[in-house]
mmCIF file of all heavy atoms, coordinates in Angstrom:
data_MODEL
# 
_entry.id   MODEL 
# 
loop_
_atom_site.group_PDB 
_atom_site.id 
_atom_site.type_symbol 
_atom_site.label_atom_id 
_atom_site.label_alt_id 
_atom_site.label_comp_id 
_atom_site.label_asym_id 
_atom_site.label_entity_id 
_atom_site.label_seq_id 
_atom_site.pdbx_PDB_ins_code 
_atom_site.Cartn_x 
_atom_site.Cartn_y 
_atom_site.Cartn_z 
_atom_site.occupancy 
_atom_site.B_iso_or_equiv 
_atom_site.pdbx_formal_charge 
_atom_site.auth_seq_id 
_atom_site.auth_comp_id 
_atom_site.auth_asym_id 
_atom_site.auth_atom_id 
_atom_site.pdbx_PDB_model_num 
ATOM 1   N N   . ARG A 1 1  ? 147.543 49.487 -17.150 1.00 0.00 ? 1  ARG A N   1 
ATOM 2   C CA  . ARG A 1 1  ? 147.685 50.407 -16.031 1.00 0.00 ? 1  ARG A CA  1 
ATOM 3   C C   . ARG A 1 1  ? 146.352 50.941 -15.529 1.00 0.00 ? 1  ARG A C   1 
ATOM 4   O O   . ARG A 1 1  ? 146.254 51.411 -14.399 1.00 0.00 ? 1  ARG A O   1 
ATOM 5   C CB  . ARG A 1 1  ? 148.581 51.587 -16.416 1.00 0.00 ? 1  ARG A CB  1 
ATOM 6   C CG  . ARG A 1 1  ? 147.997 52.501 -17.460 1.00 0.00 ? 1  ARG A CG  1 
ATOM 7   C CD  . ARG A 1 1  ? 148.794 53.780 -17.609 1.00 0.00 ? 1  ARG A CD  1 
ATOM 8   N NE  . ARG A 1 1  ? 150.105 53.544 -18.185 1.00 0.00 ? 1  ARG A NE  1 
ATOM 9   C CZ  . ARG A 1 1  ? 151.227 53.765 -17.530 1.00 0.00 ? 1  ARG A CZ  1 
ATOM 10  N NH1 . ARG A 1 1  ? 151.192 54.204 -16.284 1.00 0.00 ? 1  ARG A NH1 1 
ATOM 11  N NH2 . ARG A 1 1  ? 152.386 53.568 -18.116 1.00 0.00 ? 1  ARG A NH2 1 
ATOM 12  N N   . GLN A 1 2  ? 145.316 50.891 -16.352 1.00 0.00 ? 2  GLN A N   1 
ATOM 13  C CA  . GLN A 1 2  ? 144.018 51.443 -15.990 1.00 0.00 ? 2  GLN A CA  1 
ATOM 14  C C   . GLN A 1 2  ? 143.052 50.335 -15.623 1.00 0.00 ? 2  GLN A C   1 
ATOM 15  O O   . GLN A 1 2  ? 142.660 49.527 -16.476 1.00 0.00 ? 2  GLN A O   1 
ATOM 16  C CB  . GLN A 1 2  ? 143.435 52.252 -17.147 1.00 0.00 ? 2  GLN A CB  1 
ATOM 17  C CG  . GLN A 1 2  ? 142.084 52.866 -16.844 1.00 0.00 ? 2  GLN A CG  1 
ATOM 18  C CD  . GLN A 1 2  ? 141.536 53.665 -18.007 1.00 0.00 ? 2  GLN A CD  1 
ATOM 19  O OE1 . GLN A 1 2  ? 142.290 54.294 -18.749 1.00 0.00 ? 2  GLN A OE1 1 
ATOM 20  N NE2 . GLN A 1 2  ? 140.229 53.640 -18.180 1.00 0.00 ? 2  GLN A NE2 1 
ATOM 21  N N   . PRO A 1 3  ? 142.615 50.263 -14.366 1.00 0.00 ? 3  PRO A N   1 
ATOM 22  C CA  . PRO A 1 3  ? 141.651 49.231 -13.988 1.00 0.00 ? 3  PRO A CA  1 
ATOM 23  C C   . PRO A 1 3  ? 140.282 49.453 -14.634 1.00 0.00 ? 3  PRO A C   1 
ATOM 24  O O   . PRO A 1 3  ? 139.912 50.591 -14.932 1.00 0.00 ? 3  PRO A O   1 
ATOM 25  C CB  . PRO A 1 3  ? 141.567 49.367 -12.460 1.00 0.00 ? 3  PRO A CB  1 
ATOM 26  C CG  . PRO A 1 3  ? 142.001 50.754 -12.175 1.00 0.00 ? 3  PRO A CG  1 
ATOM 27  C CD  . PRO A 1 3  ? 142.986 51.113 -13.232 1.00 0.00 ? 3  PRO A CD  1 
ATOM 28  N N   . LEU A 1 4  ? 139.603 48.370 -14.883 1.00 0.00 ? 4  LEU A N   1 
ATOM 29  C CA  . LEU A 1 4  ? 138.224 48.380 -15.394 1.00 0.00 ? 4  LEU A CA  1 
ATOM 30  C C   . LEU A 1 4  ? 138.092 49.155 -16.709 1.00 0.00 ? 4  LEU A C   1 
ATOM 31  O O   . LEU A 1 4  ? 137.044 49.755 -16.971 1.00 0.00 ? 4  LEU A O   1 
ATOM 32  C CB  . LEU A 1 4  ? 137.280 48.968 -14.337 1.00 0.00 ? 4  LEU A CB  1 
ATOM 33  C CG  . LEU A 1 4  ? 137.292 48.255 -12.982 1.00 0.00 ? 4  LEU A CG  1 
ATOM 34  C CD1 . LEU A 1 4  ? 136.371 48.971 -12.005 1.00 0.00 ? 4  LEU A CD1 1 
ATOM 35  C CD2 . LEU A 1 4  ? 136.869 46.796 -13.129 1.00 0.00 ? 4  LEU A CD2 1 
ATOM 36  N N   . ARG A 1 5  ? 139.130 49.123 -17.525 1.00 0.00 ? 5  ARG A N   1 
ATOM 37  C CA  . ARG A 1 5  ? 139.066 49.794 -18.832 1.00 0.00 ? 5  ARG A CA  1 
ATOM 38  C C   . ARG A 1 5  ? 137.988 49.121 -19.665 1.00 0.00 ? 5  ARG A C   1 
ATOM 39  O O   . ARG A 1 5  ? 137.957 47.898 -19.789 1.00 0.00 ? 5  ARG A O   1 
ATOM 40  C CB  . ARG A 1 5  ? 140.417 49.729 -19.532 1.00 0.00 ? 5  ARG A CB  1 
ATOM 41  C CG  . ARG A 1 5  ? 140.488 50.625 -20.768 1.00 0.00 ? 5  ARG A CG  1 
ATOM 42  C CD  . ARG A 1 5  ? 141.740 50.328 -21.558 1.00 0.00 ? 5  ARG A CD  1 
ATOM 43  N NE  . ARG A 1 5  ? 142.982 50.595 -20.870 1.00 0.00 ? 5  ARG A NE  1 
ATOM 44  C CZ  . ARG A 1 5  ? 143.671 51.725 -20.976 1.00 0.00 ? 5  ARG A CZ  1 
ATOM 45  N NH1 . ARG A 1 5  ? 143.222 52.707 -21.749 1.00 0.00 ? 5  ARG A NH1 1 
ATOM 46  N NH2 . ARG A 1 5  ? 144.812 51.873 -20.334 1.00 0.00 ? 5  ARG A NH2 1 
ATOM 47  N N   . ALA A 1 6  ? 137.140 49.920 -20.299 1.00 0.00 ? 6  ALA A N   1 
ATOM 48  C CA  . ALA A 1 6  ? 135.997 49.362 -21.031 1.00 0.00 ? 6  ALA A CA  1 
ATOM 49  C C   . ALA A 1 6  ? 136.426 48.665 -22.314 1.00 0.00 ? 6  ALA A C   1 
ATOM 50  O O   . ALA A 1 6  ? 135.847 47.637 -22.694 1.00 0.00 ? 6  ALA A O   1 
ATOM 51  C CB  . ALA A 1 6  ? 134.992 50.469 -21.341 1.00 0.00 ? 6  ALA A CB  1 
ATOM 52  N N   . VAL A 1 7  ? 137.436 49.204 -22.982 1.00 0.00 ? 7  VAL A N   1 
ATOM 53  C CA  . VAL A 1 7  ? 137.880 48.648 -24.257 1.00 0.00 ? 7  VAL A CA  1 
ATOM 54  C C   . VAL A 1 7  ? 139.362 48.304 -24.128 1.00 0.00 ? 7  VAL A C   1 
ATOM 55  O O   . VAL A 1 7  ? 140.134 49.102 -23.620 1.00 0.00 ? 7  VAL A O   1 
ATOM 56  C CB  . VAL A 1 7  ? 137.677 49.664 -25.404 1.00 0.00 ? 7  VAL A CB  1 
ATOM 57  C CG1 . VAL A 1 7  ? 138.166 49.079 -26.713 1.00 0.00 ? 7  VAL A CG1 1 
ATOM 58  C CG2 . VAL A 1 7  ? 136.206 50.050 -25.494 1.00 0.00 ? 7  VAL A CG2 1 
ATOM 59  N N   . VAL A 1 8  ? 139.758 47.137 -24.603 1.00 0.00 ? 8  VAL A N   1 
ATOM 60  C CA  . VAL A 1 8  ? 141.166 46.752 -24.498 1.00 0.00 ? 8  VAL A CA  1 
ATOM 61  C C   . VAL A 1 8  ? 142.038 47.728 -25.280 1.00 0.00 ? 8  VAL A C   1 
ATOM 62  O O   . VAL A 1 8  ? 141.619 48.287 -26.281 1.00 0.00 ? 8  VAL A O   1 
ATOM 63  C CB  . VAL A 1 8  ? 141.414 45.321 -25.002 1.00 0.00 ? 8  VAL A CB  1 
ATOM 64  C CG1 . VAL A 1 8  ? 140.694 44.310 -24.137 1.00 0.00 ? 8  VAL A CG1 1 
ATOM 65  C CG2 . VAL A 1 8  ? 140.991 45.155 -26.443 1.00 0.00 ? 8  VAL A CG2 1 
ATOM 66  N N   . THR A 1 9  ? 143.246 47.900 -24.801 1.00 0.00 ? 9  THR A N   1 
ATOM 67  C CA  . THR A 1 9  ? 144.188 48.773 -25.478 1.00 0.00 ? 9  THR A CA  1 
ATOM 68  C C   . THR A 1 9  ? 145.332 47.954 -26.058 1.00 0.00 ? 9  THR A C   1 
ATOM 69  O O   . THR A 1 9  ? 145.757 46.963 -25.477 1.00 0.00 ? 9  THR A O   1 
ATOM 70  C CB  . THR A 1 9  ? 144.739 49.849 -24.521 1.00 0.00 ? 9  THR A CB  1 
ATOM 71  O OG1 . THR A 1 9  ? 145.712 50.633 -25.209 1.00 0.00 ? 9  THR A OG1 1 
ATOM 72  C CG2 . THR A 1 9  ? 145.392 49.227 -23.288 1.00 0.00 ? 9  THR A CG2 1 
ATOM 73  N N   . THR A 1 10 ? 145.819 48.384 -27.214 1.00 0.00 ? 10 THR A N   1 
ATOM 74  C CA  . THR A 1 10 ? 146.956 47.733 -27.855 1.00 0.00 ? 10 THR A CA  1 
ATOM 75  C C   . THR A 1 10 ? 148.217 48.567 -27.703 1.00 0.00 ? 10 THR A C   1 
ATOM 76  O O   . THR A 1 10 ? 149.266 48.206 -28.241 1.00 0.00 ? 10 THR A O   1 
ATOM 77  C CB  . THR A 1 10 ? 146.682 47.514 -29.355 1.00 0.00 ? 10 THR A CB  1 
ATOM 78  O OG1 . THR A 1 10 ? 146.545 48.785 -29.994 1.00 0.00 ? 10 THR A OG1 1 
ATOM 79  C CG2 . THR A 1 10 ? 145.401 46.715 -29.570 1.00 0.00 ? 10 THR A CG2 1 
ATOM 80  N N   . THR A 1 11 ? 148.108 49.664 -26.979 1.00 0.00 ? 11 THR A N   1 
ATOM 81  C CA  . THR A 1 11 ? 149.226 50.600 -26.831 1.00 0.00 ? 11 THR A CA  1 
ATOM 82  C C   . THR A 1 11 ? 150.205 50.111 -25.782 1.00 0.00 ? 11 THR A C   1 
ATOM 83  O O   . THR A 1 11 ? 149.837 49.954 -24.611 1.00 0.00 ? 11 THR A O   1 
ATOM 84  C CB  . THR A 1 11 ? 148.702 51.989 -26.450 1.00 0.00 ? 11 THR A CB  1 
ATOM 85  O OG1 . THR A 1 11 ? 147.762 52.420 -27.426 1.00 0.00 ? 11 THR A OG1 1 
ATOM 86  C CG2 . THR A 1 11 ? 149.851 52.990 -26.366 1.00 0.00 ? 11 THR A CG2 1 
ATOM 87  N N   . ARG A 1 12 ? 151.417 49.909 -26.184 1.00 0.00 ? 12 ARG A N   1 
ATOM 88  C CA  . ARG A 1 12 ? 152.435 49.359 -25.295 1.00 0.00 ? 12 ARG A CA  1 
ATOM 89  C C   . ARG A 1 12 ? 152.613 50.178 -24.019 1.00 0.00 ? 12 ARG A C   1 
ATOM 90  O O   . ARG A 1 12 ? 152.758 49.625 -22.925 1.00 0.00 ? 12 ARG A O   1 
ATOM 91  C CB  . ARG A 1 12 ? 153.756 49.272 -26.051 1.00 0.00 ? 12 ARG A CB  1 
ATOM 92  C CG  . ARG A 1 12 ? 154.943 48.823 -25.240 1.00 0.00 ? 12 ARG A CG  1 
ATOM 93  C CD  . ARG A 1 12 ? 156.170 48.850 -26.104 1.00 0.00 ? 12 ARG A CD  1 
ATOM 94  N NE  . ARG A 1 12 ? 157.389 48.877 -25.310 1.00 0.00 ? 12 ARG A NE  1 
ATOM 95  C CZ  . ARG A 1 12 ? 158.594 49.017 -25.835 1.00 0.00 ? 12 ARG A CZ  1 
ATOM 96  N NH1 . ARG A 1 12 ? 158.740 49.118 -27.142 1.00 0.00 ? 12 ARG A NH1 1 
ATOM 97  N NH2 . ARG A 1 12 ? 159.656 49.033 -25.058 1.00 0.00 ? 12 ARG A NH2 1 
ATOM 98  N N   . SER A 1 13 ? 152.585 51.492 -24.140 1.00 0.00 ? 13 SER A N   1 
ATOM 99  C CA  . SER A 1 13 ? 152.831 52.362 -22.983 1.00 0.00 ? 13 SER A CA  1 
ATOM 100 C C   . SER A 1 13 ? 151.712 52.303 -21.943 1.00 0.00 ? 13 SER A C   1 
ATOM 101 O O   . SER A 1 13 ? 151.873 52.798 -20.831 1.00 0.00 ? 13 SER A O   1 
ATOM 102 C CB  . SER A 1 13 ? 153.032 53.811 -23.431 1.00 0.00 ? 13 SER A CB  1 
ATOM 103 O OG  . SER A 1 13 ? 151.878 54.282 -24.099 1.00 0.00 ? 13 SER A OG  1 
ATOM 104 N N   . GLU A 1 14 ? 150.589 51.696 -22.303 1.00 0.00 ? 14 GLU A N   1 
ATOM 105 C CA  . GLU A 1 14 ? 149.488 51.546 -21.355 1.00 0.00 ? 14 GLU A CA  1 
ATOM 106 C C   . GLU A 1 14 ? 149.634 50.303 -20.490 1.00 0.00 ? 14 GLU A C   1 
ATOM 107 O O   . GLU A 1 14 ? 148.800 50.061 -19.619 1.00 0.00 ? 14 GLU A O   1 
ATOM 108 C CB  . GLU A 1 14 ? 148.152 51.491 -22.100 1.00 0.00 ? 14 GLU A CB  1 
ATOM 109 C CG  . GLU A 1 14 ? 147.758 52.821 -22.747 1.00 0.00 ? 14 GLU A CG  1 
ATOM 110 C CD  . GLU A 1 14 ? 147.575 53.905 -21.710 1.00 0.00 ? 14 GLU A CD  1 
ATOM 111 O OE1 . GLU A 1 14 ? 146.793 53.728 -20.774 1.00 0.00 ? 14 GLU A OE1 1 
ATOM 112 O OE2 . GLU A 1 14 ? 148.263 54.955 -21.842 1.00 0.00 ? 14 GLU A OE2 1 
ATOM 113 N N   . TYR A 1 15 ? 150.688 49.549 -20.731 1.00 0.00 ? 15 TYR A N   1 
ATOM 114 C CA  . TYR A 1 15 ? 150.919 48.333 -19.951 1.00 0.00 ? 15 TYR A CA  1 
ATOM 115 C C   . TYR A 1 15 ? 152.130 48.525 -19.040 1.00 0.00 ? 15 TYR A C   1 
ATOM 116 O O   . TYR A 1 15 ? 153.132 49.128 -19.419 1.00 0.00 ? 15 TYR A O   1 
ATOM 117 C CB  . TYR A 1 15 ? 151.124 47.132 -20.869 1.00 0.00 ? 15 TYR A CB  1 
ATOM 118 C CG  . TYR A 1 15 ? 149.846 46.708 -21.558 1.00 0.00 ? 15 TYR A CG  1 
ATOM 119 C CD1 . TYR A 1 15 ? 149.449 47.292 -22.754 1.00 0.00 ? 15 TYR A CD1 1 
ATOM 120 C CD2 . TYR A 1 15 ? 149.013 45.742 -20.985 1.00 0.00 ? 15 TYR A CD2 1 
ATOM 121 C CE1 . TYR A 1 15 ? 148.263 46.938 -23.365 1.00 0.00 ? 15 TYR A CE1 1 
ATOM 122 C CE2 . TYR A 1 15 ? 147.826 45.373 -21.602 1.00 0.00 ? 15 TYR A CE2 1 
ATOM 123 C CZ  . TYR A 1 15 ? 147.465 45.975 -22.789 1.00 0.00 ? 15 TYR A CZ  1 
ATOM 124 O OH  . TYR A 1 15 ? 146.283 45.614 -23.392 1.00 0.00 ? 15 TYR A OH  1 
ATOM 125 N N   . VAL A 1 16 ? 151.997 47.977 -17.859 1.00 0.00 ? 16 VAL A N   1 
ATOM 126 C CA  . VAL A 1 16 ? 153.060 48.116 -16.871 1.00 0.00 ? 16 VAL A CA  1 
ATOM 127 C C   . VAL A 1 16 ? 153.374 46.746 -16.283 1.00 0.00 ? 16 VAL A C   1 
ATOM 128 O O   . VAL A 1 16 ? 152.711 45.752 -16.571 1.00 0.00 ? 16 VAL A O   1 
ATOM 129 C CB  . VAL A 1 16 ? 152.644 49.095 -15.745 1.00 0.00 ? 16 VAL A CB  1 
ATOM 130 C CG1 . VAL A 1 16 ? 152.507 50.508 -16.292 1.00 0.00 ? 16 VAL A CG1 1 
ATOM 131 C CG2 . VAL A 1 16 ? 151.343 48.653 -15.095 1.00 0.00 ? 16 VAL A CG2 1 
ATOM 132 N N   . TYR A 1 17 ? 154.381 46.721 -15.435 1.00 0.00 ? 17 TYR A N   1 
ATOM 133 C CA  . TYR A 1 17 ? 154.783 45.507 -14.723 1.00 0.00 ? 17 TYR A CA  1 
ATOM 134 C C   . TYR A 1 17 ? 155.084 44.360 -15.670 1.00 0.00 ? 17 TYR A C   1 
ATOM 135 O O   . TYR A 1 17 ? 154.552 43.256 -15.544 1.00 0.00 ? 17 TYR A O   1 
ATOM 136 C CB  . TYR A 1 17 ? 153.703 45.069 -13.736 1.00 0.00 ? 17 TYR A CB  1 
ATOM 137 C CG  . TYR A 1 17 ? 153.434 46.072 -12.637 1.00 0.00 ? 17 TYR A CG  1 
ATOM 138 C CD1 . TYR A 1 17 ? 152.164 46.610 -12.460 1.00 0.00 ? 17 TYR A CD1 1 
ATOM 139 C CD2 . TYR A 1 17 ? 154.449 46.489 -11.792 1.00 0.00 ? 17 TYR A CD2 1 
ATOM 140 C CE1 . TYR A 1 17 ? 151.913 47.530 -11.471 1.00 0.00 ? 17 TYR A CE1 1 
ATOM 141 C CE2 . TYR A 1 17 ? 154.207 47.417 -10.796 1.00 0.00 ? 17 TYR A CE2 1 
ATOM 142 C CZ  . TYR A 1 17 ? 152.937 47.926 -10.627 1.00 0.00 ? 17 TYR A CZ  1 
ATOM 143 O OH  . TYR A 1 17 ? 152.694 48.841 -9.646  1.00 0.00 ? 17 TYR A OH  1 
ATOM 144 N N   . TRP A 1 18 ? 155.942 44.573 -16.619 1.00 0.00 ? 18 TRP A N   1 
ATOM 145 C CA  . TRP A 1 18 ? 156.320 43.526 -17.554 1.00 0.00 ? 18 TRP A CA  1 
ATOM 146 C C   . TRP A 1 18 ? 157.059 42.408 -16.850 1.00 0.00 ? 18 TRP A C   1 
ATOM 147 O O   . TRP A 1 18 ? 157.826 42.638 -15.913 1.00 0.00 ? 18 TRP A O   1 
ATOM 148 C CB  . TRP A 1 18 ? 157.234 44.100 -18.638 1.00 0.00 ? 18 TRP A CB  1 
ATOM 149 C CG  . TRP A 1 18 ? 156.584 45.151 -19.460 1.00 0.00 ? 18 TRP A CG  1 
ATOM 150 C CD1 . TRP A 1 18 ? 156.708 46.506 -19.312 1.00 0.00 ? 18 TRP A CD1 1 
ATOM 151 C CD2 . TRP A 1 18 ? 155.690 44.958 -20.547 1.00 0.00 ? 18 TRP A CD2 1 
ATOM 152 N NE1 . TRP A 1 18 ? 155.959 47.153 -20.252 1.00 0.00 ? 18 TRP A NE1 1 
ATOM 153 C CE2 . TRP A 1 18 ? 155.323 46.232 -21.022 1.00 0.00 ? 18 TRP A CE2 1 
ATOM 154 C CE3 . TRP A 1 18 ? 155.180 43.829 -21.186 1.00 0.00 ? 18 TRP A CE3 1 
ATOM 155 C CZ2 . TRP A 1 18 ? 154.458 46.404 -22.105 1.00 0.00 ? 18 TRP A CZ2 1 
ATOM 156 C CZ3 . TRP A 1 18 ? 154.327 44.002 -22.256 1.00 0.00 ? 18 TRP A CZ3 1 
ATOM 157 C CH2 . TRP A 1 18 ? 153.973 45.278 -22.707 1.00 0.00 ? 18 TRP A CH2 1 
ATOM 158 N N   . GLY A 1 19 ? 156.856 41.174 -17.368 1.00 0.00 ? 19 GLY A N   1 
ATOM 159 C CA  . GLY A 1 19 ? 157.624 40.044 -16.876 1.00 0.00 ? 19 GLY A CA  1 
ATOM 160 C C   . GLY A 1 19 ? 158.975 39.986 -17.564 1.00 0.00 ? 19 GLY A C   1 
ATOM 161 O O   . GLY A 1 19 ? 159.345 40.885 -18.316 1.00 0.00 ? 19 GLY A O   1 
ATOM 162 N N   . GLN A 1 20 ? 159.706 38.895 -17.330 1.00 0.00 ? 20 GLN A N   1 
ATOM 163 C CA  . GLN A 1 20 ? 161.038 38.746 -17.895 1.00 0.00 ? 20 GLN A CA  1 
ATOM 164 C C   . GLN A 1 20 ? 160.986 38.196 -19.322 1.00 0.00 ? 20 GLN A C   1 
ATOM 165 O O   . GLN A 1 20 ? 161.993 38.207 -20.030 1.00 0.00 ? 20 GLN A O   1 
ATOM 166 C CB  . GLN A 1 20 ? 161.894 37.827 -17.015 1.00 0.00 ? 20 GLN A CB  1 
ATOM 167 C CG  . GLN A 1 20 ? 161.687 36.316 -17.234 1.00 0.00 ? 20 GLN A CG  1 
ATOM 168 C CD  . GLN A 1 20 ? 160.320 35.823 -16.786 1.00 0.00 ? 20 GLN A CD  1 
ATOM 169 O OE1 . GLN A 1 20 ? 159.605 36.485 -16.038 1.00 0.00 ? 20 GLN A OE1 1 
ATOM 170 N NE2 . GLN A 1 20 ? 159.958 34.622 -17.243 1.00 0.00 ? 20 GLN A NE2 1 
ATOM 171 N N   . GLY A 1 21 ? 159.828 37.711 -19.716 1.00 0.00 ? 21 GLY A N   1 
ATOM 172 C CA  . GLY A 1 21 ? 159.672 37.183 -21.062 1.00 0.00 ? 21 GLY A CA  1 
ATOM 173 C C   . GLY A 1 21 ? 159.965 35.696 -21.151 1.00 0.00 ? 21 GLY A C   1 
ATOM 174 O O   . GLY A 1 21 ? 160.644 35.112 -20.303 1.00 0.00 ? 21 GLY A O   1 
ATOM 175 N N   . THR A 1 22 ? 159.426 35.083 -22.198 1.00 0.00 ? 22 THR A N   1 
ATOM 176 C CA  . THR A 1 22 ? 159.691 33.679 -22.471 1.00 0.00 ? 22 THR A CA  1 
ATOM 177 C C   . THR A 1 22 ? 159.975 33.533 -23.962 1.00 0.00 ? 22 THR A C   1 
ATOM 178 O O   . THR A 1 22 ? 159.263 34.078 -24.797 1.00 0.00 ? 22 THR A O   1 
ATOM 179 C CB  . THR A 1 22 ? 158.522 32.779 -22.015 1.00 0.00 ? 22 THR A CB  1 
ATOM 180 O OG1 . THR A 1 22 ? 158.870 31.401 -22.185 1.00 0.00 ? 22 THR A OG1 1 
ATOM 181 C CG2 . THR A 1 22 ? 157.228 33.075 -22.761 1.00 0.00 ? 22 THR A CG2 1 
ATOM 182 N N   . GLN A 1 23 ? 161.035 32.819 -24.281 1.00 0.00 ? 23 GLN A N   1 
ATOM 183 C CA  . GLN A 1 23 ? 161.485 32.695 -25.661 1.00 0.00 ? 23 GLN A CA  1 
ATOM 184 C C   . GLN A 1 23 ? 160.659 31.663 -26.420 1.00 0.00 ? 23 GLN A C   1 
ATOM 185 O O   . GLN A 1 23 ? 160.482 30.526 -25.948 1.00 0.00 ? 23 GLN A O   1 
ATOM 186 C CB  . GLN A 1 23 ? 162.960 32.278 -25.713 1.00 0.00 ? 23 GLN A CB  1 
ATOM 187 C CG  . GLN A 1 23 ? 163.499 32.037 -27.106 1.00 0.00 ? 23 GLN A CG  1 
ATOM 188 C CD  . GLN A 1 23 ? 163.656 33.311 -27.911 1.00 0.00 ? 23 GLN A CD  1 
ATOM 189 O OE1 . GLN A 1 23 ? 164.209 34.295 -27.425 1.00 0.00 ? 23 GLN A OE1 1 
ATOM 190 N NE2 . GLN A 1 23 ? 163.172 33.298 -29.155 1.00 0.00 ? 23 GLN A NE2 1 
ATOM 191 N N   . VAL A 1 24 ? 160.187 32.063 -27.584 1.00 0.00 ? 24 VAL A N   1 
ATOM 192 C CA  . VAL A 1 24 ? 159.499 31.160 -28.505 1.00 0.00 ? 24 VAL A CA  1 
ATOM 193 C C   . VAL A 1 24 ? 160.311 31.125 -29.788 1.00 0.00 ? 24 VAL A C   1 
ATOM 194 O O   . VAL A 1 24 ? 160.560 32.166 -30.402 1.00 0.00 ? 24 VAL A O   1 
ATOM 195 C CB  . VAL A 1 24 ? 158.066 31.633 -28.788 1.00 0.00 ? 24 VAL A CB  1 
ATOM 196 C CG1 . VAL A 1 24 ? 157.441 30.802 -29.907 1.00 0.00 ? 24 VAL A CG1 1 
ATOM 197 C CG2 . VAL A 1 24 ? 157.219 31.544 -27.530 1.00 0.00 ? 24 VAL A CG2 1 
# 
């Protein structure tokens, strides 16, 4: 959700616009 974030985040709530998923 945050553009140009300096360090990657592993926090799920920081991600938006999820796709429908693909089954593995």
